[in-house]
Amino acid sequence: MNGEQLLNDISQAGDLGALDAIRVSALGKAGFITAQLKSLGKMTPEERASEGPKIHALREQVTDAIASRKSALENAELERRLATERLDLSLPAAEAPSGSVHPVSQVMDELAEIFADLGFAVAEGPEIEEQWYNFTALNMPESHPARAMHDTFYCEPRSEGEEPRVLRTHTSPVQIRTMHNNPPPIRVIAPGRVYRSDSDATHTPMFHQIEGLVIDRAIHMGHLKWTLETFLKAFFERDDIVLRMRPSYFPFTEPSAEVDVGWSMEKGRRVVGGSEGWMEVLGSGMVHPRVIANCGLDPDEWQGFAFGTGVDRLAMLKYGMNDLRAFFDGDIRWMKHYGFRALDIPTISAGVGA
C-alpha cells in the first residue's frame, strides 16, 4: 500500500472502528510503516540517508491524518447526539438529594431561635483576636495559665514589635466588643468557632461555643438561673430539667458557678432530664466589676451575668453522639445518620428538635 492510498483510506474512514483498524495496519507492531522503519537497520548508509526521511515523513503524515479524522468523527457523533437526544429537566430526580445539615449548624439555629424568644440578639466577632480582648479585658493576668503556648494558638506578628494575636480561645471577646460598641442594656449571645491546643474523644483543637451576656441595672443570680433553666428546658424539650449550681472560679465573673443538669437512663443511654445523677453543662456567673469597668461602664450602675457552653457538647448530649472527633471527620455515612434535612428549621412553636 502506497502513502497516497493510505491517506485516502484514512479520510474515507466511516467510523472510529474502521479508523482504528487502519491505524493498526499501518502503525501497529505488525504495520507496514513499522516494518519499513525496522528495515532501516539493514540498509547501507547511502540507502538509509535516502529512504529514512521518506519513511519518517510518511509516519508523521499518517499520524496527523488519523488524529484529524478521529477528531472529525468524534465531533460528528457529538453533533448527532445533540440533534437527536433530549434531556427533560422537568422530570423528578432519580433519588432524593443526599445533602444534609450538620448537627452543629442545626444546634446553632436551635440556640438562636430559643434565645431570640428570650430577647437576645446574635453578636459576632473576629476569630483572630487581639490579646487585650481575649485575655486582658477579661481580667486574665499575664501569668494566667490560659495564656500559655500549650493552651493557646499564637499568630506570627504582622510587624516588628507588634504583640502576637491569637486564635480566640472562647467567644468572650465578642462580649467585650459588644459592651465597647453598644450602650446598655445588652442581651446578646455569641456563637462561633474557638481554638485550643487539645485533642481527644471529647476535645478538638477547633470547636464551637456559645456564650451569653446580659448587662442591665439590678441584675442578680436569680435572673441567671431562670435564664439557664428556661433555655435548657426549651433546648432539650423536657420539663423535668433540674439544675444545680456549684461555686467555681472564672477570672471574668464573680461570683462564678458551674451548672450541672440532672440525667436519667433511657433506652440504655444517659439522657438529660430526671435526677439519677448530675453532669456539668455550663459555666456561668455575674460579670466581674473589673470587666465592666474595662469596657467603659460604671460597675456601680450596671451589673450583668454571663454564661458559656460548647455547642458540640450540647449536640452530643441531645442527639446521642459519643465522639467529638467524628464531627470533623467528613464521613458522609456519619452525616447521613446524624444530619438534618434542610427544611428541618427549628421553631419554638413547633419544637426546636428534629
Foldseek 3Di string as FASTA:
>chain_A
DDLVVLLVQLLVDDAPVSLVVSCCCDPNPPHPLVVVVVCLVVDDPVVNVVCVVVSVVSVVVSVVSSVVSNVVRVVVVVVVCVVPDDDDPVDDDPDDDLDFAFLLVLLVLLLCQLVVVVVAAEFEDDQFAACCLQAVLLQHDPPHPCPDVQWWAWDDDPDPPDDTTTRRQAQSSRVLVCLQPDPDQHWYKYKDKGATNDDDQVDDRIFIKIKIKGKAFPDDVVVVVVVVLSSVCQSLVHPQKDKDWAFDDDSFAPRKTFIKIAWDDDPRDIATGDHPDIDTFKIKHKGDQSSSVSSVHHSVGMIMMMMMGTSLVSSCRRVVDRGSVVSPPPDSVVCSVSGHHPPLRAHSVVGSDD
